[in-house]
Amino acid sequence: MKLLFDHNLSPRLVNYLTDLYPTANHVAFVGLDQASDELVWNFARQSGYTIVTKDSDFNDLSLVWGSPPKVIWLRVGNKATRQIEVILRQQVMAIQVFLQDPSATILTIL
């Protein structure tokens, strides 16, 4: 599962979740930490990533441009990085189903 964590999520998630998401990456690690949403979108599309974000902008882009990339929108409020880790661990099955569904474009996690 190639996940790309947006700048509004901690880069530490990549290490914390390596057992479940070994190909996960963070925008900071690919030189996109200050990039526009459009650049991040294009990188994710070209590289086969699913964007994981707390930002509604990627939801909006998905509605306009479609998929790929897919978007996992974390609508969980302000949470510590370890709490985000727990949420992503708890949702691993839902994320797997989402990523395998060719018609699914946005997964909202509340």
N, C-alpha and C. Protein backbone atom coordinates (compact mmCIF):
# COMPACT_ATOMS: atom_id res chain seq x y z
N MET A 1 0.84 -1.17 0.00
CA MET A 1 0.00 0.00 0.00
C MET A 1 0.88 1.23 0.00
N LYS A 2 0.93 1.90 -1.11
CA LYS A 2 1.77 3.09 -1.24
C LYS A 2 1.00 4.31 -0.77
N LEU A 3 1.26 4.69 0.47
CA LEU A 3 0.63 5.87 1.04
C LEU A 3 1.61 7.03 1.03
N LEU A 4 1.11 8.21 0.73
CA LEU A 4 1.91 9.43 0.77
C LEU A 4 1.26 10.37 1.78
N PHE A 5 1.94 10.57 2.91
CA PHE A 5 1.41 11.44 3.96
C PHE A 5 1.66 12.90 3.60
N ASP A 6 0.61 13.68 3.71
CA ASP A 6 0.64 15.10 3.41
C ASP A 6 1.41 15.84 4.51
N HIS A 7 1.74 17.10 4.22
CA HIS A 7 2.54 17.90 5.15
C HIS A 7 1.85 18.14 6.49
N ASN A 8 0.53 18.00 6.55
CA ASN A 8 -0.18 18.23 7.81
C ASN A 8 -0.17 17.01 8.72
N LEU A 9 0.52 15.98 8.32
CA LEU A 9 0.73 14.79 9.13
C LEU A 9 2.23 14.63 9.38
N SER A 10 2.56 14.08 10.52
CA SER A 10 3.96 13.96 10.90
C SER A 10 4.72 12.97 10.01
N PRO A 11 5.94 13.32 9.63
CA PRO A 11 6.78 12.37 8.90
C PRO A 11 7.10 11.12 9.71
N ARG A 12 6.98 11.20 11.04
CA ARG A 12 7.25 10.03 11.89
C ARG A 12 6.29 8.88 11.62
N LEU A 13 5.13 9.18 11.04
CA LEU A 13 4.17 8.12 10.73
C LEU A 13 4.76 7.06 9.80
N VAL A 14 5.65 7.48 8.93
CA VAL A 14 6.27 6.53 8.00
C VAL A 14 6.98 5.43 8.79
N ASN A 15 7.76 5.81 9.80
CA ASN A 15 8.47 4.81 10.62
C ASN A 15 7.53 4.07 11.54
N TYR A 16 6.58 4.77 12.13
CA TYR A 16 5.65 4.14 13.07
C TYR A 16 4.81 3.05 12.41
N LEU A 17 4.52 3.21 11.13
CA LEU A 17 3.60 2.31 10.43
C LEU A 17 4.27 1.41 9.41
N THR A 18 5.58 1.31 9.47
CA THR A 18 6.30 0.54 8.46
C THR A 18 5.89 -0.93 8.42
N ASP A 19 5.41 -1.47 9.52
CA ASP A 19 5.00 -2.88 9.52
C ASP A 19 3.73 -3.09 8.71
N LEU A 20 2.83 -2.12 8.69
CA LEU A 20 1.58 -2.24 7.93
C LEU A 20 1.67 -1.61 6.53
N TYR A 21 2.41 -0.53 6.44
CA TYR A 21 2.50 0.24 5.20
C TYR A 21 3.99 0.44 4.84
N PRO A 22 4.66 -0.62 4.44
CA PRO A 22 6.12 -0.54 4.23
C PRO A 22 6.56 0.38 3.10
N THR A 23 5.67 0.71 2.19
CA THR A 23 6.04 1.59 1.08
C THR A 23 5.53 3.02 1.29
N ALA A 24 5.07 3.32 2.50
CA ALA A 24 4.58 4.67 2.80
C ALA A 24 5.72 5.67 2.70
N ASN A 25 5.35 6.90 2.40
CA ASN A 25 6.32 7.98 2.26
C ASN A 25 5.67 9.26 2.78
N HIS A 26 6.44 10.29 2.88
CA HIS A 26 5.95 11.59 3.34
C HIS A 26 6.42 12.65 2.35
N VAL A 27 5.60 13.68 2.15
CA VAL A 27 5.96 14.72 1.19
C VAL A 27 7.32 15.35 1.51
N ALA A 28 7.67 15.43 2.79
CA ALA A 28 8.96 16.01 3.17
C ALA A 28 10.13 15.17 2.67
N PHE A 29 9.94 13.86 2.57
CA PHE A 29 11.02 12.97 2.16
C PHE A 29 11.24 12.97 0.64
N VAL A 30 10.28 13.51 -0.09
CA VAL A 30 10.41 13.56 -1.56
C VAL A 30 10.50 14.99 -2.06
N GLY A 31 10.83 15.91 -1.15
CA GLY A 31 11.05 17.30 -1.54
C GLY A 31 9.80 18.10 -1.84
N LEU A 32 8.66 17.66 -1.32
CA LEU A 32 7.40 18.34 -1.61
C LEU A 32 6.75 18.95 -0.38
N ASP A 33 7.51 19.14 0.69
CA ASP A 33 6.91 19.63 1.93
C ASP A 33 6.39 21.06 1.80
N GLN A 34 6.90 21.83 0.88
CA GLN A 34 6.42 23.20 0.65
C GLN A 34 5.71 23.34 -0.69
N ALA A 35 5.44 22.22 -1.32
CA ALA A 35 4.85 22.23 -2.67
C ALA A 35 3.35 22.51 -2.63
N SER A 36 2.85 22.97 -3.74
CA SER A 36 1.41 23.19 -3.88
C SER A 36 0.68 21.85 -3.90
N ASP A 37 -0.60 21.91 -3.61
CA ASP A 37 -1.41 20.70 -3.66
C ASP A 37 -1.38 20.07 -5.05
N GLU A 38 -1.35 20.90 -6.07
CA GLU A 38 -1.32 20.38 -7.43
C GLU A 38 -0.04 19.58 -7.70
N LEU A 39 1.10 20.07 -7.22
CA LEU A 39 2.35 19.33 -7.40
C LEU A 39 2.33 18.01 -6.64
N VAL A 40 1.81 18.04 -5.42
CA VAL A 40 1.71 16.81 -4.63
C VAL A 40 0.78 15.83 -5.34
N TRP A 41 -0.34 16.33 -5.84
CA TRP A 41 -1.31 15.50 -6.57
C TRP A 41 -0.64 14.82 -7.77
N ASN A 42 0.06 15.61 -8.56
CA ASN A 42 0.71 15.05 -9.75
C ASN A 42 1.78 14.04 -9.40
N PHE A 43 2.57 14.32 -8.36
CA PHE A 43 3.59 13.36 -7.92
C PHE A 43 2.93 12.05 -7.51
N ALA A 44 1.87 12.14 -6.70
CA ALA A 44 1.18 10.93 -6.23
C ALA A 44 0.62 10.15 -7.41
N ARG A 45 0.02 10.83 -8.35
CA ARG A 45 -0.56 10.17 -9.53
C ARG A 45 0.52 9.46 -10.33
N GLN A 46 1.61 10.14 -10.60
CA GLN A 46 2.68 9.57 -11.42
C GLN A 46 3.43 8.45 -10.71
N SER A 47 3.45 8.50 -9.37
CA SER A 47 4.23 7.53 -8.61
C SER A 47 3.39 6.41 -8.00
N GLY A 48 2.09 6.45 -8.22
CA GLY A 48 1.23 5.38 -7.73
C GLY A 48 0.90 5.45 -6.25
N TYR A 49 0.97 6.64 -5.67
CA TYR A 49 0.65 6.81 -4.26
C TYR A 49 -0.82 7.15 -4.05
N THR A 50 -1.30 6.82 -2.86
CA THR A 50 -2.57 7.30 -2.34
C THR A 50 -2.24 8.38 -1.33
N ILE A 51 -2.86 9.53 -1.45
CA ILE A 51 -2.58 10.66 -0.55
C ILE A 51 -3.37 10.48 0.74
N VAL A 52 -2.67 10.61 1.86
CA VAL A 52 -3.30 10.59 3.18
C VAL A 52 -3.17 12.00 3.74
N THR A 53 -4.30 12.61 4.09
CA THR A 53 -4.29 14.01 4.46
C THR A 53 -5.36 14.33 5.49
N LYS A 54 -5.19 15.45 6.14
CA LYS A 54 -6.24 16.01 7.00
C LYS A 54 -6.85 17.24 6.31
N ASP A 55 -6.42 17.49 5.10
CA ASP A 55 -6.77 18.69 4.35
C ASP A 55 -7.93 18.41 3.39
N SER A 56 -8.98 19.22 3.45
CA SER A 56 -10.13 19.03 2.55
C SER A 56 -9.79 19.36 1.10
N ASP A 57 -8.69 20.05 0.87
CA ASP A 57 -8.33 20.43 -0.50
C ASP A 57 -8.15 19.22 -1.41
N PHE A 58 -7.57 18.15 -0.90
CA PHE A 58 -7.38 16.97 -1.75
C PHE A 58 -8.70 16.26 -2.02
N ASN A 59 -9.63 16.33 -1.09
CA ASN A 59 -10.98 15.84 -1.34
C ASN A 59 -11.58 16.62 -2.50
N ASP A 60 -11.44 17.94 -2.46
CA ASP A 60 -11.98 18.78 -3.52
C ASP A 60 -11.33 18.49 -4.87
N LEU A 61 -10.00 18.33 -4.87
CA LEU A 61 -9.30 18.01 -6.11
C LEU A 61 -9.77 16.67 -6.68
N SER A 62 -10.01 15.72 -5.81
CA SER A 62 -10.47 14.42 -6.25
C SER A 62 -11.85 14.53 -6.92
N LEU A 63 -12.70 15.37 -6.38
CA LEU A 63 -14.02 15.55 -6.97
C LEU A 63 -13.94 16.21 -8.35
N VAL A 64 -12.95 17.09 -8.53
CA VAL A 64 -12.79 17.80 -9.80
C VAL A 64 -12.02 16.96 -10.82
N TRP A 65 -10.88 16.40 -10.39
CA TRP A 65 -9.98 15.72 -11.31
C TRP A 65 -10.16 14.21 -11.36
N GLY A 66 -10.84 13.65 -10.39
CA GLY A 66 -11.01 12.20 -10.35
C GLY A 66 -9.75 11.50 -9.87
N SER A 67 -9.74 10.23 -10.08
CA SER A 67 -8.66 9.38 -9.58
C SER A 67 -7.91 8.80 -10.78
N PRO A 68 -6.66 8.48 -10.72
CA PRO A 68 -5.79 8.56 -9.56
C PRO A 68 -5.27 9.97 -9.33
N PRO A 69 -4.71 10.22 -8.17
CA PRO A 69 -4.55 9.30 -7.05
C PRO A 69 -5.81 9.21 -6.21
N LYS A 70 -5.85 8.17 -5.42
CA LYS A 70 -6.91 8.05 -4.43
C LYS A 70 -6.55 8.93 -3.24
N VAL A 71 -7.55 9.24 -2.42
CA VAL A 71 -7.33 10.11 -1.26
C VAL A 71 -7.95 9.47 -0.02
N ILE A 72 -7.17 9.43 1.04
CA ILE A 72 -7.68 9.05 2.36
C ILE A 72 -7.71 10.33 3.17
N TRP A 73 -8.92 10.74 3.50
CA TRP A 73 -9.13 12.02 4.20
C TRP A 73 -9.42 11.73 5.66
N LEU A 74 -8.48 12.11 6.52
CA LEU A 74 -8.62 11.91 7.95
C LEU A 74 -9.35 13.10 8.56
N ARG A 75 -10.60 12.92 8.86
CA ARG A 75 -11.41 13.97 9.48
C ARG A 75 -11.55 13.66 10.96
N VAL A 76 -10.42 13.67 11.64
CA VAL A 76 -10.37 13.23 13.04
C VAL A 76 -10.03 14.36 13.99
N GLY A 77 -9.97 15.58 13.50
CA GLY A 77 -9.63 16.71 14.36
C GLY A 77 -8.15 16.71 14.73
N ASN A 78 -7.82 17.53 15.68
CA ASN A 78 -6.42 17.63 16.13
C ASN A 78 -6.10 16.45 17.02
N LYS A 79 -5.22 15.62 16.54
CA LYS A 79 -4.79 14.42 17.27
C LYS A 79 -3.28 14.38 17.27
N ALA A 80 -2.73 13.80 18.31
CA ALA A 80 -1.29 13.56 18.38
C ALA A 80 -0.91 12.52 17.32
N THR A 81 0.34 12.53 16.95
CA THR A 81 0.83 11.59 15.93
C THR A 81 0.56 10.15 16.33
N ARG A 82 0.76 9.81 17.57
CA ARG A 82 0.51 8.42 18.03
C ARG A 82 -0.97 8.08 17.93
N GLN A 83 -1.84 9.04 18.12
CA GLN A 83 -3.28 8.80 17.97
C GLN A 83 -3.62 8.56 16.50
N ILE A 84 -2.99 9.31 15.61
CA ILE A 84 -3.18 9.10 14.17
C ILE A 84 -2.69 7.70 13.80
N GLU A 85 -1.57 7.31 14.36
CA GLU A 85 -1.04 5.96 14.11
C GLU A 85 -2.08 4.91 14.51
N VAL A 86 -2.66 5.05 15.68
CA VAL A 86 -3.66 4.09 16.16
C VAL A 86 -4.85 4.05 15.20
N ILE A 87 -5.31 5.19 14.77
CA ILE A 87 -6.45 5.25 13.85
C ILE A 87 -6.12 4.51 12.55
N LEU A 88 -4.93 4.75 12.00
CA LEU A 88 -4.56 4.09 10.75
C LEU A 88 -4.36 2.59 10.94
N ARG A 89 -3.94 2.18 12.11
CA ARG A 89 -3.84 0.75 12.40
C ARG A 89 -5.24 0.13 12.51
N GLN A 90 -6.14 0.81 13.18
CA GLN A 90 -7.50 0.30 13.35
C GLN A 90 -8.23 0.22 12.01
N GLN A 91 -7.89 1.07 11.09
CA GLN A 91 -8.58 1.15 9.80
C GLN A 91 -7.88 0.39 8.68
N VAL A 92 -6.90 -0.44 9.01
CA VAL A 92 -6.10 -1.10 7.98
C VAL A 92 -6.96 -1.93 7.03
N MET A 93 -7.95 -2.62 7.52
CA MET A 93 -8.80 -3.43 6.64
C MET A 93 -9.63 -2.55 5.71
N ALA A 94 -10.19 -1.48 6.25
CA ALA A 94 -10.98 -0.55 5.42
C ALA A 94 -10.10 0.08 4.36
N ILE A 95 -8.86 0.40 4.72
CA ILE A 95 -7.92 1.00 3.76
C ILE A 95 -7.58 -0.01 2.67
N GLN A 96 -7.35 -1.26 3.04
CA GLN A 96 -7.04 -2.28 2.04
C GLN A 96 -8.19 -2.46 1.06
N VAL A 97 -9.41 -2.54 1.58
CA VAL A 97 -10.59 -2.69 0.71
C VAL A 97 -10.71 -1.49 -0.22
N PHE A 98 -10.53 -0.30 0.33
CA PHE A 98 -10.59 0.94 -0.46
C PHE A 98 -9.57 0.92 -1.59
N LEU A 99 -8.34 0.56 -1.28
CA LEU A 99 -7.29 0.59 -2.29
C LEU A 99 -7.50 -0.46 -3.37
N GLN A 100 -8.16 -1.54 -3.05
CA GLN A 100 -8.40 -2.59 -4.04
C GLN A 100 -9.64 -2.34 -4.89
N ASP A 101 -10.45 -1.38 -4.51
CA ASP A 101 -11.68 -1.08 -5.26
C ASP A 101 -11.37 -0.05 -6.35
N PRO A 102 -11.38 -0.45 -7.62
CA PRO A 102 -11.01 0.48 -8.69
C PRO A 102 -11.98 1.65 -8.85
N SER A 103 -13.19 1.53 -8.34
CA SER A 103 -14.15 2.61 -8.49
C SER A 103 -14.11 3.60 -7.31
N ALA A 104 -13.44 3.24 -6.23
CA ALA A 104 -13.38 4.12 -5.05
C ALA A 104 -12.30 5.17 -5.23
N THR A 105 -12.62 6.41 -4.89
CA THR A 105 -11.64 7.49 -5.05
C THR A 105 -11.30 8.18 -3.74
N ILE A 106 -12.24 8.24 -2.80
CA ILE A 106 -12.02 8.92 -1.53
C ILE A 106 -12.49 8.03 -0.39
N LEU A 107 -11.63 7.87 0.60
CA LEU A 107 -12.01 7.19 1.84
C LEU A 107 -11.94 8.24 2.95
N THR A 108 -13.08 8.51 3.56
CA THR A 108 -13.14 9.44 4.66
C THR A 108 -13.13 8.67 5.97
N ILE A 109 -12.18 8.98 6.81
CA ILE A 109 -12.09 8.34 8.12
C ILE A 109 -12.44 9.36 9.16
N LEU A 110 -13.50 9.08 9.93
CA LEU A 110 -13.97 9.99 10.97
C LEU A 110 -13.47 9.56 12.33
